[in-house]
Amino acid sequence: MLFPNRGTRTTAIAWQLESPRVLAGAQFFVLRPDLTRILPEFLAWFIRSEKAVRHFEGRRKGTYVQIIQRGDLAELEMPLPSLVIQQRIVDVAHLALTERLLAERLALLKSKLTTGQLVEAALECGASAPLFLGQPRLPVVREPRLASQSGTNVPHSKQSPTAFHREESQT
């Protein structure tokens, strides 16, 4: 099992490998649980749980790159149900994740369908017209220039803004 020891995100992944000899970067702890007592998938699930996240939040060290030490991992207390119960928990967690992903996909597809139906309804309601007549004109963006850069003197108004508004209202 891989557990990243750097960063602010608490995650873990159980990985099935052909070879027991694996080289992982220094930013990971390689955990090899006792398979007679704990399933790697259950351990990974628990490390991603809210209880474990709170445990590690209080123990991270560092300002720019936060680090979890091996001792912080060893101090994590976790439940240890039977292997059968652990497998059931892992299965239910996997089903919950699949349900969430399917719900997100369904919401996206519903949104696309609704948008498509609304566009069709809008097109059926009346005549359509091109958005632009001829070539579309893009706005010209110019950088502001100071009077000293342009070489001209900008006249200053001798009237106050309120005097201008008074003149407008009288006409």
Protein backbone atom coordinates (compact mmCIF):
# COMPACT_ATOMS: atom_id res chain seq x y z
CA MET A 1 0.00 0.00 0.00
CA LEU A 2 1.24 3.52 -0.81
CA PHE A 3 0.73 6.45 1.53
CA PRO A 4 2.06 9.90 0.51
CA ASN A 5 3.90 11.56 3.36
CA ARG A 6 4.02 15.06 1.86
CA GLY A 7 1.28 17.55 1.13
CA THR A 8 -2.04 18.45 2.71
CA ARG A 9 -4.19 15.76 1.13
CA THR A 10 -4.66 12.53 3.07
CA THR A 11 -4.96 9.60 0.70
CA ALA A 12 -3.75 6.05 0.28
CA ILE A 13 -3.94 3.38 -2.38
CA ALA A 14 -3.86 -0.39 -2.12
CA TRP A 15 -1.88 -1.77 -5.01
CA GLN A 16 -1.69 -5.40 -6.14
CA LEU A 17 1.76 -6.11 -7.58
CA GLU A 18 3.29 -9.20 -9.13
CA SER A 19 6.63 -8.61 -7.43
CA PRO A 20 6.95 -8.03 -3.68
CA ARG A 21 10.02 -5.86 -4.31
CA VAL A 22 8.91 -2.34 -5.17
CA LEU A 23 10.81 0.92 -5.25
CA ALA A 24 8.79 3.99 -4.30
CA GLY A 25 9.91 7.60 -4.14
CA ALA A 26 10.83 9.28 -0.88
CA GLN A 27 7.47 11.06 -0.84
CA PHE A 28 5.70 7.73 -0.11
CA PHE A 29 5.56 5.29 2.74
CA VAL A 30 5.19 1.72 1.50
CA LEU A 31 2.93 -0.09 3.96
CA ARG A 32 2.82 -3.87 4.04
CA PRO A 33 -0.02 -4.83 6.42
CA ASP A 34 -0.27 -8.28 7.99
CA LEU A 35 -2.72 -9.93 5.56
CA THR A 36 -3.96 -12.32 8.23
CA ARG A 37 -5.30 -9.34 10.23
CA ILE A 38 -6.07 -6.48 7.83
CA LEU A 39 -6.92 -6.08 4.15
CA PRO A 40 -4.82 -3.47 2.32
CA GLU A 41 -8.01 -2.07 0.72
CA PHE A 42 -9.59 -1.67 4.18
CA LEU A 43 -6.48 0.09 5.50
CA ALA A 44 -6.46 2.43 2.48
CA TRP A 45 -10.18 3.12 2.96
CA PHE A 46 -9.69 3.92 6.65
CA ILE A 47 -6.71 6.21 5.99
CA ARG A 48 -8.95 8.22 3.62
CA SER A 49 -11.71 8.42 6.28
CA GLU A 50 -12.59 11.62 8.11
CA LYS A 51 -11.21 10.27 11.40
CA ALA A 52 -7.78 9.62 9.88
CA VAL A 53 -7.80 12.97 8.05
CA ARG A 54 -8.34 14.78 11.38
CA HIS A 55 -5.58 12.68 12.97
CA PHE A 56 -3.05 13.71 10.33
CA GLU A 57 -4.15 17.36 10.13
CA GLY A 58 -2.94 17.96 13.66
CA ARG A 59 0.39 16.24 13.10
CA ARG A 60 1.65 17.66 9.82
CA LYS A 61 4.90 19.59 10.11
CA GLY A 62 6.34 22.23 7.82
CA THR A 63 5.15 25.48 6.34
CA TYR A 64 5.68 25.22 2.58
CA VAL A 65 5.65 21.43 2.17
CA GLN A 66 3.85 19.72 4.99
CA ILE A 67 5.22 16.34 6.05
CA ILE A 68 3.76 13.42 7.97
CA GLN A 69 6.32 11.38 9.88
CA ARG A 70 6.25 7.59 10.13
CA GLY A 71 5.51 7.88 13.87
CA ASP A 72 2.37 9.90 13.05
CA LEU A 73 1.17 6.98 10.95
CA ALA A 74 2.00 4.48 13.69
CA GLU A 75 -0.05 6.49 16.23
CA LEU A 76 -3.23 6.22 14.14
CA GLU A 77 -5.76 4.11 16.04
CA MET A 78 -8.18 2.22 13.86
CA PRO A 79 -10.89 -0.39 14.25
CA LEU A 80 -9.95 -3.95 13.32
CA PRO A 81 -13.07 -5.96 12.46
CA SER A 82 -12.85 -9.47 11.03
CA LEU A 83 -11.57 -9.89 7.47
CA VAL A 84 -15.10 -10.71 6.29
CA ILE A 85 -16.45 -7.44 7.74
CA GLN A 86 -13.47 -5.53 6.32
CA GLN A 87 -14.25 -6.91 2.84
CA ARG A 88 -17.92 -5.92 3.20
CA ILE A 89 -16.91 -2.39 4.20
CA VAL A 90 -14.57 -2.15 1.20
CA ASP A 91 -17.31 -3.45 -1.13
CA VAL A 92 -19.90 -0.97 0.20
CA ALA A 93 -17.41 1.90 -0.05
CA HIS A 94 -16.67 0.92 -3.65
CA LEU A 95 -20.40 0.77 -4.46
CA ALA A 96 -20.92 4.20 -2.83
CA LEU A 97 -18.13 5.65 -4.96
CA THR A 98 -19.58 4.07 -8.11
CA GLU A 99 -23.02 5.47 -7.20
CA ARG A 100 -21.57 8.98 -6.70
CA LEU A 101 -19.74 8.87 -10.04
CA LEU A 102 -22.86 7.64 -11.83
CA ALA A 103 -24.98 10.37 -10.17
CA GLU A 104 -22.49 13.03 -11.33
CA ARG A 105 -22.53 11.60 -14.86
CA LEU A 106 -26.35 11.46 -14.83
CA ALA A 107 -26.53 15.12 -13.71
CA LEU A 108 -24.18 16.13 -16.53
CA LEU A 109 -26.18 14.20 -19.13
CA LYS A 110 -29.46 15.68 -17.82
CA SER A 111 -27.98 19.16 -18.08
CA LYS A 112 -26.88 18.54 -21.66
CA LEU A 113 -30.29 17.09 -22.56
CA THR A 114 -32.13 20.02 -20.97
CA THR A 115 -29.91 22.54 -22.74
CA GLY A 116 -30.42 20.77 -26.06
CA GLN A 117 -34.18 20.70 -25.58
CA LEU A 118 -34.23 24.39 -24.66
CA VAL A 119 -32.22 25.29 -27.76
CA GLU A 120 -34.63 23.25 -29.91
CA ALA A 121 -37.62 24.97 -28.29
CA ALA A 122 -36.06 28.39 -28.86
CA LEU A 123 -35.46 27.58 -32.53
CA GLU A 124 -39.06 26.38 -32.97
CA CYS A 125 -40.50 29.57 -31.45
CA GLY A 126 -39.48 31.96 -34.15
CA ALA A 127 -37.28 32.88 -37.04
CA SER A 128 -33.57 32.62 -36.64
CA ALA A 129 -31.11 35.32 -37.60
CA PRO A 130 -27.35 35.38 -37.90
CA LEU A 131 -25.58 36.64 -34.83
CA PHE A 132 -23.37 39.02 -36.82
CA LEU A 133 -24.08 40.79 -40.08
CA GLY A 134 -20.93 40.62 -42.17
CA GLN A 135 -17.65 40.15 -40.35
CA PRO A 136 -17.89 40.19 -36.57
CA ARG A 137 -16.10 43.19 -35.11
CA LEU A 138 -13.99 42.68 -32.08
CA PRO A 139 -13.48 45.56 -29.68
CA VAL A 140 -10.20 47.38 -30.03
CA VAL A 141 -8.28 47.34 -26.78
CA ARG A 142 -5.94 50.24 -26.24
CA GLU A 143 -3.71 50.86 -23.29
CA PRO A 144 -4.43 54.09 -21.44
CA ARG A 145 -1.88 56.81 -22.03
CA LEU A 146 -0.94 59.56 -19.68
CA ALA A 147 -1.02 63.13 -20.93
CA SER A 148 2.75 63.33 -20.49
CA GLN A 149 3.21 60.30 -22.81
CA SER A 150 1.04 61.66 -25.63
CA GLY A 151 2.87 64.96 -25.88
CA THR A 152 -0.33 66.96 -25.62
CA ASN A 153 -1.71 68.97 -22.78
CA VAL A 154 -5.03 67.81 -21.50
CA PRO A 155 -7.23 70.82 -20.74
CA HIS A 156 -8.74 70.84 -17.32
CA SER A 157 -12.35 71.82 -16.93
CA LYS A 158 -12.83 75.00 -14.95
CA GLN A 159 -16.39 74.03 -14.15
CA SER A 160 -17.25 71.63 -11.42
CA PRO A 161 -19.19 68.46 -12.28
CA THR A 162 -22.20 69.84 -10.49
CA ALA A 163 -22.14 72.98 -12.65
CA PHE A 164 -22.20 70.74 -15.74
CA HIS A 165 -25.24 68.89 -14.44
CA ARG A 166 -26.98 72.18 -13.65
CA GLU A 167 -26.41 73.41 -17.21
CA GLU A 168 -27.82 70.13 -18.62
CA SER A 169 -30.93 70.29 -16.49
CA GLN A 170 -31.64 73.90 -17.55
CA THR A 171 -31.60 73.07 -21.26
